N, C-alpha and C. Protein backbone atom coordinates (compact mmCIF):
# COMPACT_ATOMS: atom_id res chain seq x y z
N MET A 1 142.53 -90.99 -84.55
CA MET A 1 141.77 -89.93 -85.16
C MET A 1 142.68 -88.77 -85.57
N SER A 2 143.51 -88.27 -84.65
CA SER A 2 144.41 -87.17 -84.97
C SER A 2 145.41 -87.55 -86.06
N GLU A 3 145.75 -88.83 -86.11
CA GLU A 3 146.70 -89.28 -87.11
C GLU A 3 146.17 -88.99 -88.51
N LEU A 4 144.88 -89.10 -88.69
CA LEU A 4 144.27 -88.85 -89.98
C LEU A 4 144.37 -87.39 -90.39
N LEU A 5 144.42 -86.51 -89.42
CA LEU A 5 144.50 -85.08 -89.69
C LEU A 5 145.94 -84.59 -89.78
N GLY A 6 146.88 -85.45 -89.43
CA GLY A 6 148.28 -85.05 -89.44
C GLY A 6 148.65 -84.14 -88.28
N CYS A 7 147.91 -84.20 -87.18
CA CYS A 7 148.15 -83.34 -86.02
C CYS A 7 148.90 -84.09 -84.93
N ASP A 8 149.83 -83.39 -84.30
CA ASP A 8 150.49 -83.96 -83.13
C ASP A 8 149.61 -83.75 -81.91
N ARG A 9 149.77 -84.61 -80.90
CA ARG A 9 149.02 -84.51 -79.66
C ARG A 9 149.95 -84.07 -78.54
N PHE A 10 149.39 -83.32 -77.59
CA PHE A 10 150.15 -82.79 -76.46
C PHE A 10 149.32 -83.01 -75.20
N PHE A 11 149.88 -83.61 -74.16
CA PHE A 11 149.15 -83.93 -72.94
C PHE A 11 149.46 -82.90 -71.86
N ILE A 12 148.42 -82.29 -71.29
CA ILE A 12 148.56 -81.37 -70.16
C ILE A 12 148.20 -82.14 -68.90
N ALA A 13 149.21 -82.47 -68.11
CA ALA A 13 149.04 -83.35 -66.95
C ALA A 13 148.26 -82.72 -65.81
N GLY A 14 148.19 -81.41 -65.73
CA GLY A 14 147.49 -80.74 -64.63
C GLY A 14 145.99 -80.66 -64.81
N GLY A 15 145.45 -81.36 -65.78
CA GLY A 15 144.01 -81.36 -66.03
C GLY A 15 143.28 -82.38 -65.17
N ILE A 16 142.31 -83.04 -65.77
CA ILE A 16 141.46 -83.96 -65.00
C ILE A 16 142.21 -85.17 -64.46
N HIS A 17 143.38 -85.47 -65.01
CA HIS A 17 144.17 -86.61 -64.54
C HIS A 17 145.33 -86.19 -63.64
N ARG A 18 145.27 -84.97 -63.09
CA ARG A 18 146.40 -84.46 -62.29
C ARG A 18 146.74 -85.34 -61.09
N ASP A 19 145.74 -85.97 -60.48
CA ASP A 19 146.02 -86.81 -59.31
C ASP A 19 146.84 -88.04 -59.69
N GLU A 20 146.68 -88.51 -60.93
CA GLU A 20 147.42 -89.68 -61.39
C GLU A 20 148.75 -89.32 -62.05
N THR A 21 148.86 -88.10 -62.62
CA THR A 21 150.03 -87.77 -63.44
C THR A 21 150.98 -86.75 -62.83
N MET A 22 150.63 -86.19 -61.67
CA MET A 22 151.47 -85.18 -61.02
C MET A 22 151.84 -85.60 -59.61
N ARG A 23 153.08 -85.32 -59.21
CA ARG A 23 153.55 -85.56 -57.83
C ARG A 23 154.37 -84.35 -57.42
N ASP A 24 153.99 -83.71 -56.34
CA ASP A 24 154.70 -82.54 -55.81
C ASP A 24 154.91 -81.46 -56.87
N GLY A 25 153.89 -81.23 -57.71
CA GLY A 25 153.96 -80.17 -58.70
C GLY A 25 154.75 -80.49 -59.96
N ALA A 26 155.20 -81.72 -60.09
CA ALA A 26 155.98 -82.13 -61.26
C ALA A 26 155.35 -83.35 -61.92
N LEU A 27 155.67 -83.55 -63.17
CA LEU A 27 155.18 -84.73 -63.87
C LEU A 27 155.68 -86.00 -63.22
N ASP A 28 154.82 -86.97 -63.09
CA ASP A 28 155.18 -88.30 -62.59
C ASP A 28 155.21 -89.24 -63.80
N PRO A 29 156.40 -89.59 -64.30
CA PRO A 29 156.49 -90.42 -65.51
C PRO A 29 155.73 -91.74 -65.41
N ALA A 30 155.76 -92.38 -64.27
CA ALA A 30 155.06 -93.66 -64.12
C ALA A 30 153.54 -93.45 -64.17
N GLY A 31 153.06 -92.41 -63.52
CA GLY A 31 151.64 -92.10 -63.54
C GLY A 31 151.18 -91.70 -64.94
N LEU A 32 151.99 -90.93 -65.62
CA LEU A 32 151.68 -90.52 -66.99
C LEU A 32 151.59 -91.73 -67.91
N GLU A 33 152.54 -92.62 -67.78
CA GLU A 33 152.54 -93.84 -68.58
C GLU A 33 151.29 -94.68 -68.30
N ALA A 34 150.92 -94.79 -67.04
CA ALA A 34 149.74 -95.59 -66.67
C ALA A 34 148.46 -94.99 -67.24
N VAL A 35 148.31 -93.67 -67.18
CA VAL A 35 147.10 -93.02 -67.71
C VAL A 35 147.02 -93.19 -69.22
N LEU A 36 148.15 -93.08 -69.90
CA LEU A 36 148.15 -93.13 -71.36
C LEU A 36 148.17 -94.55 -71.92
N ALA A 37 148.42 -95.53 -71.07
CA ALA A 37 148.54 -96.92 -71.53
C ALA A 37 147.29 -97.41 -72.26
N GLY A 38 146.12 -97.03 -71.81
CA GLY A 38 144.89 -97.51 -72.41
C GLY A 38 144.36 -96.63 -73.53
N SER A 39 145.07 -95.58 -73.87
CA SER A 39 144.59 -94.64 -74.88
C SER A 39 145.13 -94.99 -76.26
N PRO A 40 144.28 -94.98 -77.28
CA PRO A 40 144.76 -95.23 -78.63
C PRO A 40 145.52 -94.03 -79.20
N VAL A 41 145.34 -92.87 -78.61
CA VAL A 41 146.01 -91.66 -79.06
C VAL A 41 147.21 -91.41 -78.16
N LYS A 42 148.40 -91.32 -78.76
CA LYS A 42 149.63 -91.11 -77.98
C LYS A 42 150.18 -89.72 -78.23
N PRO A 43 150.38 -88.93 -77.15
CA PRO A 43 150.94 -87.59 -77.31
C PRO A 43 152.43 -87.63 -77.63
N ILE A 44 152.92 -86.58 -78.27
CA ILE A 44 154.35 -86.48 -78.56
C ILE A 44 155.09 -85.84 -77.40
N ALA A 45 154.35 -85.16 -76.50
CA ALA A 45 154.97 -84.48 -75.36
C ALA A 45 153.92 -84.28 -74.27
N ALA A 46 154.41 -83.95 -73.08
CA ALA A 46 153.53 -83.67 -71.95
C ALA A 46 154.15 -82.56 -71.11
N MET A 47 153.30 -81.80 -70.44
CA MET A 47 153.78 -80.79 -69.50
C MET A 47 152.74 -80.63 -68.40
N ALA A 48 153.15 -80.03 -67.29
CA ALA A 48 152.27 -79.90 -66.13
C ALA A 48 151.08 -78.99 -66.40
N ALA A 49 151.31 -77.84 -67.02
CA ALA A 49 150.23 -76.87 -67.26
C ALA A 49 150.62 -75.94 -68.40
N LEU A 50 149.63 -75.29 -68.96
CA LEU A 50 149.89 -74.24 -69.95
C LEU A 50 150.05 -72.93 -69.21
N GLY A 51 150.98 -72.16 -69.67
CA GLY A 51 151.13 -70.81 -69.10
C GLY A 51 152.02 -70.76 -67.99
């Protein structure tokens, strides 16, 4: 969907998937990969939180 608009996607790991994508306050690459594996939309970047 975003591809049609020409928009990049950005994943905030500290949201609803924080238990799967964060470990000790930092991004967990394996958890992030697992959460995004089933998604048709792929982000260009990820971070723990905004601000």
